Every structure is written in C-alpha cells, then in structure tokens.
Amino acid sequence: TKNTVYLQMNSLKPEDTAVYYCHWASRNLNFWG
C-alpha cells in the first residue's frame, strides 16, 4: 500500500559492511536507489 520495502538486519557482522542499494523491477524495467 506504501510501495515500500524494508530490510531488518540483525546480528550484523563486520563483513556486512557495504553500500546497500534498493532495487525495483517490473516488465523488463529496473531502477536503483
């Protein structure tokens, strides 16, 4: 209803360090945050 996606990340590790990108795709279209 809000066109929103969430990612709950628990027990984070140093190797999770990164730039996280949101992605949306439909009908051969795709977009990045």
PDB file of all heavy atoms in Angstrom:
ATOM      1  N   THR A   1       0.825  -1.212   0.000  1.00  0.00           N
ATOM      2  CA  THR A   1       0.000   0.000   0.000  1.00  0.00           C
ATOM      3  C   THR A   1       0.856   1.258   0.000  1.00  0.00           C
ATOM      4  O   THR A   1       0.415   2.318  -0.419  1.00  0.00           O
ATOM      5  CB  THR A   1      -0.942   0.034   1.214  1.00  0.00           C
ATOM      6  OG1 THR A   1      -0.170   0.130   2.415  1.00  0.00           O
ATOM      7  CG2 THR A   1      -1.803  -1.220   1.267  1.00  0.00           C
ATOM      8  N   LYS A   2       2.100   1.123   0.479  1.00  0.00           N
ATOM      9  CA  LYS A   2       3.021   2.255   0.522  1.00  0.00           C
ATOM     10  C   LYS A   2       4.160   2.106  -0.474  1.00  0.00           C
ATOM     11  O   LYS A   2       5.058   2.953  -0.513  1.00  0.00           O
ATOM     12  CB  LYS A   2       3.610   2.394   1.936  1.00  0.00           C
ATOM     13  CG  LYS A   2       2.589   2.688   3.010  1.00  0.00           C
ATOM     14  CD  LYS A   2       3.247   2.809   4.377  1.00  0.00           C
ATOM     15  CE  LYS A   2       2.232   3.117   5.462  1.00  0.00           C
ATOM     16  NZ  LYS A   2       2.871   3.226   6.806  1.00  0.00           N
ATOM     17  N   ASN A   3       4.126   1.022  -1.257  1.00  0.00           N
ATOM     18  CA  ASN A   3       5.212   0.752  -2.217  1.00  0.00           C
ATOM     19  C   ASN A   3       6.575   0.842  -1.520  1.00  0.00           C
ATOM     20  O   ASN A   3       7.516   1.442  -2.050  1.00  0.00           O
ATOM     21  CB  ASN A   3       5.155   1.722  -3.398  1.00  0.00           C
ATOM     22  CG  ASN A   3       3.912   1.524  -4.239  1.00  0.00           C
ATOM     23  OD1 ASN A   3       3.535   0.394  -4.557  1.00  0.00           O
ATOM     24  ND2 ASN A   3       3.260   2.624  -4.587  1.00  0.00           N
ATOM     25  N   THR A   4       6.647   0.249  -0.366  1.00  0.00           N
ATOM     26  CA  THR A   4       7.845   0.344   0.454  1.00  0.00           C
ATOM     27  C   THR A   4       8.334  -1.053   0.822  1.00  0.00           C
ATOM     28  O   THR A   4       7.531  -1.925   1.150  1.00  0.00           O
ATOM     29  CB  THR A   4       7.565   1.152   1.730  1.00  0.00           C
ATOM     30  OG1 THR A   4       7.165   2.472   1.360  1.00  0.00           O
ATOM     31  CG2 THR A   4       8.811   1.241   2.607  1.00  0.00           C
ATOM     32  N   VAL A   5       9.648  -1.209   0.768  1.00  0.00           N
ATOM     33  CA  VAL A   5      10.268  -2.465   1.179  1.00  0.00           C
ATOM     34  C   VAL A   5      11.214  -2.167   2.331  1.00  0.00           C
ATOM     35  O   VAL A   5      11.826  -1.095   2.386  1.00  0.00           O
ATOM     36  CB  VAL A   5      11.014  -3.134   0.005  1.00  0.00           C
ATOM     37  CG1 VAL A   5      12.207  -2.310  -0.466  1.00  0.00           C
ATOM     38  CG2 VAL A   5      11.436  -4.550   0.354  1.00  0.00           C
ATOM     39  N   TYR A   6      11.297  -3.118   3.249  1.00  0.00           N
ATOM     40  CA  TYR A   6      12.135  -2.977   4.430  1.00  0.00           C
ATOM     41  C   TYR A   6      13.121  -4.133   4.497  1.00  0.00           C
ATOM     42  O   TYR A   6      12.829  -5.235   4.037  1.00  0.00           O
ATOM     43  CB  TYR A   6      11.280  -2.982   5.700  1.00  0.00           C
ATOM     44  CG  TYR A   6      10.161  -1.982   5.694  1.00  0.00           C
ATOM     45  CD1 TYR A   6       8.873  -2.367   5.297  1.00  0.00           C
ATOM     46  CD2 TYR A   6      10.358  -0.669   6.078  1.00  0.00           C
ATOM     47  CE1 TYR A   6       7.828  -1.463   5.281  1.00  0.00           C
ATOM     48  CE2 TYR A   6       9.322   0.256   6.067  1.00  0.00           C
ATOM     49  CZ  TYR A   6       8.056  -0.162   5.668  1.00  0.00           C
ATOM     50  OH  TYR A   6       7.030   0.750   5.648  1.00  0.00           O
ATOM     51  N   LEU A   7      14.262  -3.856   5.100  1.00  0.00           N
ATOM     52  CA  LEU A   7      15.219  -4.919   5.372  1.00  0.00           C
ATOM     53  C   LEU A   7      15.649  -4.798   6.825  1.00  0.00           C
ATOM     54  O   LEU A   7      16.346  -3.854   7.191  1.00  0.00           O
ATOM     55  CB  LEU A   7      16.445  -4.824   4.450  1.00  0.00           C
ATOM     56  CG  LEU A   7      17.444  -5.969   4.607  1.00  0.00           C
ATOM     57  CD1 LEU A   7      16.831  -7.289   4.123  1.00  0.00           C
ATOM     58  CD2 LEU A   7      18.739  -5.670   3.847  1.00  0.00           C
ATOM     59  N   GLN A   8      15.189  -5.730   7.640  1.00  0.00           N
ATOM     60  CA  GLN A   8      15.605  -5.790   9.036  1.00  0.00           C
ATOM     61  C   GLN A   8      16.860  -6.627   9.128  1.00  0.00           C
ATOM     62  O   GLN A   8      16.854  -7.804   8.753  1.00  0.00           O
ATOM     63  CB  GLN A   8      14.512  -6.396   9.905  1.00  0.00           C
ATOM     64  CG  GLN A   8      14.881  -6.534  11.376  1.00  0.00           C
ATOM     65  CD  GLN A   8      15.065  -5.197  12.065  1.00  0.00           C
ATOM     66  OE1 GLN A   8      14.255  -4.290  11.889  1.00  0.00           O
ATOM     67  NE2 GLN A   8      16.107  -5.082  12.870  1.00  0.00           N
ATOM     68  N   MET A   9      17.925  -6.035   9.580  1.00  0.00           N
ATOM     69  CA  MET A   9      19.215  -6.720   9.659  1.00  0.00           C
ATOM     70  C   MET A   9      19.609  -6.881  11.127  1.00  0.00           C
ATOM     71  O   MET A   9      19.795  -5.875  11.826  1.00  0.00           O
ATOM     72  CB  MET A   9      20.282  -5.930   8.899  1.00  0.00           C
ATOM     73  CG  MET A   9      19.928  -5.681   7.451  1.00  0.00           C
ATOM     74  SD  MET A   9      21.283  -4.954   6.503  1.00  0.00           S
ATOM     75  CE  MET A   9      21.422  -3.351   7.289  1.00  0.00           C
ATOM     76  N   ASN A  10      19.715  -8.107  11.553  1.00  0.00           N
ATOM     77  CA  ASN A  10      20.107  -8.415  12.922  1.00  0.00           C
ATOM     78  C   ASN A  10      21.433  -9.158  12.938  1.00  0.00           C
ATOM     79  O   ASN A  10      21.886  -9.664  11.911  1.00  0.00           O
ATOM     80  CB  ASN A  10      19.034  -9.275  13.598  1.00  0.00           C
ATOM     81  CG  ASN A  10      17.694  -8.587  13.699  1.00  0.00           C
ATOM     82  OD1 ASN A  10      17.617  -7.360  13.842  1.00  0.00           O
ATOM     83  ND2 ASN A  10      16.620  -9.361  13.635  1.00  0.00           N
ATOM     84  N   SER A  11      22.042  -9.204  14.095  1.00  0.00           N
ATOM     85  CA  SER A  11      23.312  -9.923  14.270  1.00  0.00           C
ATOM     86  C   SER A  11      24.326  -9.512  13.209  1.00  0.00           C
ATOM     87  O   SER A  11      24.965 -10.357  12.578  1.00  0.00           O
ATOM     88  CB  SER A  11      23.070 -11.445  14.223  1.00  0.00           C
ATOM     89  OG  SER A  11      22.150 -11.845  15.202  1.00  0.00           O
ATOM     90  N   LEU A  12      24.453  -8.231  13.024  1.00  0.00           N
ATOM     91  CA  LEU A  12      25.328  -7.720  11.971  1.00  0.00           C
ATOM     92  C   LEU A  12      26.786  -8.055  12.253  1.00  0.00           C
ATOM     93  O   LEU A  12      27.234  -8.069  13.409  1.00  0.00           O
ATOM     94  CB  LEU A  12      25.139  -6.225  11.813  1.00  0.00           C
ATOM     95  CG  LEU A  12      23.855  -5.834  11.054  1.00  0.00           C
ATOM     96  CD1 LEU A  12      23.482  -4.387  11.311  1.00  0.00           C
ATOM     97  CD2 LEU A  12      24.049  -6.083   9.559  1.00  0.00           C
ATOM     98  N   LYS A  13      27.505  -8.309  11.171  1.00  0.00           N
ATOM     99  CA  LYS A  13      28.910  -8.683  11.230  1.00  0.00           C
ATOM    100  C   LYS A  13      29.740  -7.656  10.462  1.00  0.00           C
ATOM    101  O   LYS A  13      29.216  -6.989   9.554  1.00  0.00           O
ATOM    102  CB  LYS A  13      29.113 -10.058  10.606  1.00  0.00           C
ATOM    103  CG  LYS A  13      28.255 -11.164  11.196  1.00  0.00           C
ATOM    104  CD  LYS A  13      28.430 -12.460  10.402  1.00  0.00           C
ATOM    105  CE  LYS A  13      27.544 -13.562  10.953  1.00  0.00           C
ATOM    106  NZ  LYS A  13      27.700 -14.831  10.185  1.00  0.00           N
ATOM    107  N   PRO A  14      31.013  -7.554  10.772  1.00  0.00           N
ATOM    108  CA  PRO A  14      31.853  -6.616  10.005  1.00  0.00           C
ATOM    109  C   PRO A  14      31.800  -6.868   8.498  1.00  0.00           C
ATOM    110  O   PRO A  14      31.860  -5.914   7.712  1.00  0.00           O
ATOM    111  CB  PRO A  14      33.254  -6.884  10.563  1.00  0.00           C
ATOM    112  CG  PRO A  14      33.006  -7.326  11.967  1.00  0.00           C
ATOM    113  CD  PRO A  14      31.744  -8.144  11.901  1.00  0.00           C
ATOM    114  N   GLU A  15      31.640  -8.122   8.104  1.00  0.00           N
ATOM    115  CA  GLU A  15      31.594  -8.427   6.674  1.00  0.00           C
ATOM    116  C   GLU A  15      30.286  -7.985   6.021  1.00  0.00           C
ATOM    117  O   GLU A  15      30.136  -8.077   4.794  1.00  0.00           O
ATOM    118  CB  GLU A  15      31.824  -9.918   6.418  1.00  0.00           C
ATOM    119  CG  GLU A  15      30.962 -10.849   7.253  1.00  0.00           C
ATOM    120  CD  GLU A  15      31.667 -11.342   8.505  1.00  0.00           C
ATOM    121  OE1 GLU A  15      32.340 -10.516   9.182  1.00  0.00           O
ATOM    122  OE2 GLU A  15      31.546 -12.552   8.812  1.00  0.00           O
ATOM    123  N   ASP A  16      29.334  -7.493   6.802  1.00  0.00           N
ATOM    124  CA  ASP A  16      28.128  -6.909   6.235  1.00  0.00           C
ATOM    125  C   ASP A  16      28.336  -5.461   5.818  1.00  0.00           C
ATOM    126  O   ASP A  16      27.453  -4.850   5.216  1.00  0.00           O
ATOM    127  CB  ASP A  16      26.975  -6.975   7.243  1.00  0.00           C
ATOM    128  CG  ASP A  16      26.545  -8.391   7.558  1.00  0.00           C
ATOM    129  OD1 ASP A  16      26.430  -9.201   6.615  1.00  0.00           O
ATOM    130  OD2 ASP A  16      26.301  -8.693   8.748  1.00  0.00           O
ATOM    131  N   THR A  17      29.489  -4.916   6.150  1.00  0.00           N
ATOM    132  CA  THR A  17      29.800  -3.541   5.766  1.00  0.00           C
ATOM    133  C   THR A  17      29.783  -3.401   4.252  1.00  0.00           C
ATOM    134  O   THR A  17      30.479  -4.134   3.545  1.00  0.00           O
ATOM    135  CB  THR A  17      31.169  -3.131   6.319  1.00  0.00           C
ATOM    136  OG1 THR A  17      31.100  -3.119   7.754  1.00  0.00           O
ATOM    137  CG2 THR A  17      31.567  -1.748   5.816  1.00  0.00           C
ATOM    138  N   ALA A  18      28.979  -2.460   3.759  1.00  0.00           N
ATOM    139  CA  ALA A  18      28.819  -2.283   2.322  1.00  0.00           C
ATOM    140  C   ALA A  18      27.882  -1.110   2.079  1.00  0.00           C
ATOM    141  O   ALA A  18      27.256  -0.587   3.002  1.00  0.00           O
ATOM    142  CB  ALA A  18      28.243  -3.547   1.684  1.00  0.00           C
ATOM    143  N   VAL A  19      27.787  -0.741   0.830  1.00  0.00           N
ATOM    144  CA  VAL A  19      26.725   0.166   0.395  1.00  0.00           C
ATOM    145  C   VAL A  19      25.559  -0.706  -0.040  1.00  0.00           C
ATOM    146  O   VAL A  19      25.729  -1.615  -0.858  1.00  0.00           O
ATOM    147  CB  VAL A  19      27.186   1.076  -0.756  1.00  0.00           C
ATOM    148  CG1 VAL A  19      26.017   1.949  -1.227  1.00  0.00           C
ATOM    149  CG2 VAL A  19      28.352   1.945  -0.310  1.00  0.00           C
ATOM    150  N   TYR A  20      24.399  -0.449   0.531  1.00  0.00           N
ATOM    151  CA  TYR A  20      23.202  -1.218   0.251  1.00  0.00           C
ATOM    152  C   TYR A  20      22.310  -0.436  -0.714  1.00  0.00           C
ATOM    153  O   TYR A  20      22.000   0.745  -0.472  1.00  0.00           O
ATOM    154  CB  TYR A  20      22.456  -1.512   1.548  1.00  0.00           C
ATOM    155  CG  TYR A  20      23.121  -2.588   2.372  1.00  0.00           C
ATOM    156  CD1 TYR A  20      24.344  -2.357   2.993  1.00  0.00           C
ATOM    157  CD2 TYR A  20      22.552  -3.850   2.501  1.00  0.00           C
ATOM    158  CE1 TYR A  20      24.982  -3.353   3.722  1.00  0.00           C
ATOM    159  CE2 TYR A  20      23.180  -4.844   3.243  1.00  0.00           C
ATOM    160  CZ  TYR A  20      24.393  -4.582   3.841  1.00  0.00           C
ATOM    161  OH  TYR A  20      25.018  -5.575   4.565  1.00  0.00           O
ATOM    162  N   TYR A  21      21.908  -1.103  -1.779  1.00  0.00           N
ATOM    163  CA  TYR A  21      21.116  -0.468  -2.826  1.00  0.00           C
ATOM    164  C   TYR A  21      19.728  -1.098  -2.885  1.00  0.00           C
ATOM    165  O   TYR A  21      19.595  -2.332  -2.957  1.00  0.00           O
ATOM    166  CB  TYR A  21      21.781  -0.639  -4.182  1.00  0.00           C
ATOM    167  CG  TYR A  21      23.105   0.067  -4.321  1.00  0.00           C
ATOM    168  CD1 TYR A  21      24.295  -0.603  -4.030  1.00  0.00           C
ATOM    169  CD2 TYR A  21      23.173   1.393  -4.749  1.00  0.00           C
ATOM    170  CE1 TYR A  21      25.512   0.038  -4.163  1.00  0.00           C
ATOM    171  CE2 TYR A  21      24.395   2.036  -4.887  1.00  0.00           C
ATOM    172  CZ  TYR A  21      25.561   1.354  -4.591  1.00  0.00           C
ATOM    173  OH  TYR A  21      26.770   1.987  -4.730  1.00  0.00           O
ATOM    174  N   CYS A  22      18.729  -0.244  -2.930  1.00  0.00           N
ATOM    175  CA  CYS A  22      17.361  -0.702  -3.167  1.00  0.00           C
ATOM    176  C   CYS A  22      17.178  -0.922  -4.668  1.00  0.00           C
ATOM    177  O   CYS A  22      17.720  -0.164  -5.496  1.00  0.00           O
ATOM    178  CB  CYS A  22      16.389   0.342  -2.656  1.00  0.00           C
ATOM    179  SG  CYS A  22      14.644  -0.079  -2.877  1.00  0.00           S
ATOM    180  N   HIS A  23      16.416  -1.938  -5.011  1.00  0.00           N
ATOM    181  CA  HIS A  23      16.179  -2.280  -6.416  1.00  0.00           C
ATOM    182  C   HIS A  23      14.703  -2.537  -6.627  1.00  0.00           C
ATOM    183  O   HIS A  23      14.056  -3.186  -5.800  1.00  0.00           O
ATOM    184  CB  HIS A  23      16.995  -3.514  -6.793  1.00  0.00           C
ATOM    185  CG  HIS A  23      16.839  -3.948  -8.208  1.00  0.00           C
ATOM    186  ND1 HIS A  23      16.101  -5.058  -8.562  1.00  0.00           N
ATOM    187  CD2 HIS A  23      17.320  -3.419  -9.364  1.00  0.00           C
ATOM    188  CE1 HIS A  23      16.137  -5.197  -9.872  1.00  0.00           C
ATOM    189  NE2 HIS A  23      16.878  -4.223 -10.388  1.00  0.00           N
ATOM    190  N   TRP A  24      14.201  -2.039  -7.752  1.00  0.00           N
ATOM    191  CA  TRP A  24      12.788  -2.250  -8.144  1.00  0.00           C
ATOM    192  C   TRP A  24      12.777  -2.740  -9.574  1.00  0.00           C
ATOM    193  O   TRP A  24      13.494  -2.191 -10.422  1.00  0.00           O
ATOM    194  CB  TRP A  24      12.031  -0.943  -8.009  1.00  0.00           C
ATOM    195  CG  TRP A  24      10.565  -1.021  -8.323  1.00  0.00           C
ATOM    196  CD1 TRP A  24       9.535  -1.148  -7.437  1.00  0.00           C
ATOM    197  CD2 TRP A  24       9.946  -0.944  -9.619  1.00  0.00           C
ATOM    198  NE1 TRP A  24       8.337  -1.170  -8.084  1.00  0.00           N
ATOM    199  CE2 TRP A  24       8.545  -1.047  -9.441  1.00  0.00           C
ATOM    200  CE3 TRP A  24      10.440  -0.809 -10.921  1.00  0.00           C
ATOM    201  CZ2 TRP A  24       7.650  -1.025 -10.493  1.00  0.00           C
ATOM    202  CZ3 TRP A  24       9.555  -0.788 -11.979  1.00  0.00           C
ATOM    203  CH2 TRP A  24       8.171  -0.897 -11.753  1.00  0.00           C
ATOM    204  N   ALA A  25      11.991  -3.754  -9.865  1.00  0.00           N
ATOM    205  CA  ALA A  25      11.934  -4.284 -11.213  1.00  0.00           C
ATOM    206  C   ALA A  25      10.526  -4.733 -11.564  1.00  0.00           C
ATOM    207  O   ALA A  25       9.798  -5.282 -10.733  1.00  0.00           O
ATOM    208  CB  ALA A  25      12.895  -5.462 -11.364  1.00  0.00           C
ATOM    209  N   SER A  26      10.176  -4.506 -12.825  1.00  0.00           N
ATOM    210  CA  SER A  26       8.905  -4.971 -13.369  1.00  0.00           C
ATOM    211  C   SER A  26       8.920  -4.780 -14.872  1.00  0.00           C
ATOM    212  O   SER A  26       9.464  -3.790 -15.366  1.00  0.00           O
ATOM    213  CB  SER A  26       7.748  -4.190 -12.744  1.00  0.00           C
ATOM    214  OG  SER A  26       6.512  -4.616 -13.266  1.00  0.00           O
ATOM    215  N   ARG A  27       8.372  -5.744 -15.601  1.00  0.00           N
ATOM    216  CA  ARG A  27       8.224  -5.623 -17.057  1.00  0.00           C
ATOM    217  C   ARG A  27       9.521  -5.207 -17.737  1.00  0.00           C
ATOM    218  O   ARG A  27       9.546  -4.282 -18.544  1.00  0.00           O
ATOM    219  CB  ARG A  27       7.139  -4.609 -17.398  1.00  0.00           C
ATOM    220  CG  ARG A  27       5.768  -4.952 -16.851  1.00  0.00           C
ATOM    221  CD  ARG A  27       4.718  -3.977 -17.352  1.00  0.00           C
ATOM    222  NE  ARG A  27       3.430  -4.223 -16.738  1.00  0.00           N
ATOM    223  CZ  ARG A  27       2.323  -3.547 -17.055  1.00  0.00           C
ATOM    224  NH1 ARG A  27       2.353  -2.620 -17.985  1.00  0.00           N
ATOM    225  NH2 ARG A  27       1.193  -3.799 -16.440  1.00  0.00           N
ATOM    226  N   ASN A  28      10.598  -5.870 -17.426  1.00  0.00           N
ATOM    227  CA  ASN A  28      11.913  -5.606 -18.019  1.00  0.00           C
ATOM    228  C   ASN A  28      12.461  -4.228 -17.688  1.00  0.00           C
ATOM    229  O   ASN A  28      13.419  -3.779 -18.315  1.00  0.00           O
ATOM    230  CB  ASN A  28      11.882  -5.798 -19.545  1.00  0.00           C
ATOM    231  CG  ASN A  28      11.607  -7.231 -19.927  1.00  0.00           C
ATOM    232  OD1 ASN A  28      12.089  -8.153 -19.283  1.00  0.00           O
ATOM    233  ND2 ASN A  28      10.815  -7.427 -20.972  1.00  0.00           N
ATOM    234  N   LEU A  29      11.839  -3.529 -16.769  1.00  0.00           N
ATOM    235  CA  LEU A  29      12.370  -2.264 -16.283  1.00  0.00           C
ATOM    236  C   LEU A  29      12.993  -2.507 -14.923  1.00  0.00           C
ATOM    237  O   LEU A  29      12.501  -3.311 -14.141  1.00  0.00           O
ATOM    238  CB  LEU A  29      11.250  -1.225 -16.151  1.00  0.00           C
ATOM    239  CG  LEU A  29      10.507  -0.830 -17.409  1.00  0.00           C
ATOM    240  CD1 LEU A  29       9.330   0.072 -17.071  1.00  0.00           C
ATOM    241  CD2 LEU A  29      11.435  -0.158 -18.403  1.00  0.00           C
ATOM    242  N   ASN A  30      14.071  -1.794 -14.656  1.00  0.00           N
ATOM    243  CA  ASN A  30      14.613  -1.877 -13.307  1.00  0.00           C
ATOM    244  C   ASN A  30      15.262  -0.560 -12.928  1.00  0.00           C
ATOM    245  O   ASN A  30      15.826   0.130 -13.779  1.00  0.00           O
ATOM    246  CB  ASN A  30      15.563  -3.058 -13.141  1.00  0.00           C
ATOM    247  CG  ASN A  30      16.835  -2.900 -13.936  1.00  0.00           C
ATOM    248  OD1 ASN A  30      17.857  -2.484 -13.401  1.00  0.00           O
ATOM    249  ND2 ASN A  30      16.779  -3.231 -15.211  1.00  0.00           N
ATOM    250  N   PHE A  31      15.144  -0.238 -11.658  1.00  0.00           N
ATOM    251  CA  PHE A  31      15.648   1.016 -11.132  1.00  0.00           C
ATOM    252  C   PHE A  31      16.392   0.764  -9.827  1.00  0.00           C
ATOM    253  O   PHE A  31      16.090  -0.179  -9.092  1.00  0.00           O
ATOM    254  CB  PHE A  31      14.485   1.996 -10.882  1.00  0.00           C
ATOM    255  CG  PHE A  31      13.760   2.383 -12.125  1.00  0.00           C
ATOM    256  CD1 PHE A  31      12.661   1.649 -12.562  1.00  0.00           C
ATOM    257  CD2 PHE A  31      14.164   3.465 -12.890  1.00  0.00           C
ATOM    258  CE1 PHE A  31      11.987   1.995 -13.717  1.00  0.00           C
ATOM    259  CE2 PHE A  31      13.507   3.817 -14.041  1.00  0.00           C
ATOM    260  CZ  PHE A  31      12.412   3.081 -14.470  1.00  0.00           C
ATOM    261  N   TRP A  32      17.367   1.651  -9.576  1.00  0.00           N
ATOM    262  CA  TRP A  32      18.189   1.526  -8.385  1.00  0.00           C
ATOM    263  C   TRP A  32      18.094   2.771  -7.520  1.00  0.00           C
ATOM    264  O   TRP A  32      17.980   3.896  -8.032  1.00  0.00           O
ATOM    265  CB  TRP A  32      19.656   1.339  -8.784  1.00  0.00           C
ATOM    266  CG  TRP A  32      19.928   0.050  -9.506  1.00  0.00           C
ATOM    267  CD1 TRP A  32      19.928  -0.144 -10.854  1.00  0.00           C
ATOM    268  CD2 TRP A  32      20.253  -1.211  -8.909  1.00  0.00           C
ATOM    269  NE1 TRP A  32      20.224  -1.457 -11.128  1.00  0.00           N
ATOM    270  CE2 TRP A  32      20.432  -2.128  -9.960  1.00  0.00           C
ATOM    271  CE3 TRP A  32      20.410  -1.642  -7.592  1.00  0.00           C
ATOM    272  CZ2 TRP A  32      20.758  -3.468  -9.736  1.00  0.00           C
ATOM    273  CZ3 TRP A  32      20.750  -2.967  -7.370  1.00  0.00           C
ATOM    274  CH2 TRP A  32      20.915  -3.863  -8.428  1.00  0.00           C
ATOM    275  N   GLY A  33      18.190   2.573  -6.234  1.00  0.00           N
ATOM    276  CA  GLY A  33      18.344   3.686  -5.321  1.00  0.00           C
ATOM    277  C   GLY A  33      19.782   4.174  -5.335  1.00  0.00           C
ATOM    278  O   GLY A  33      20.654   3.586  -5.982  1.00  0.00           O
TER     279      GLY A  33
END
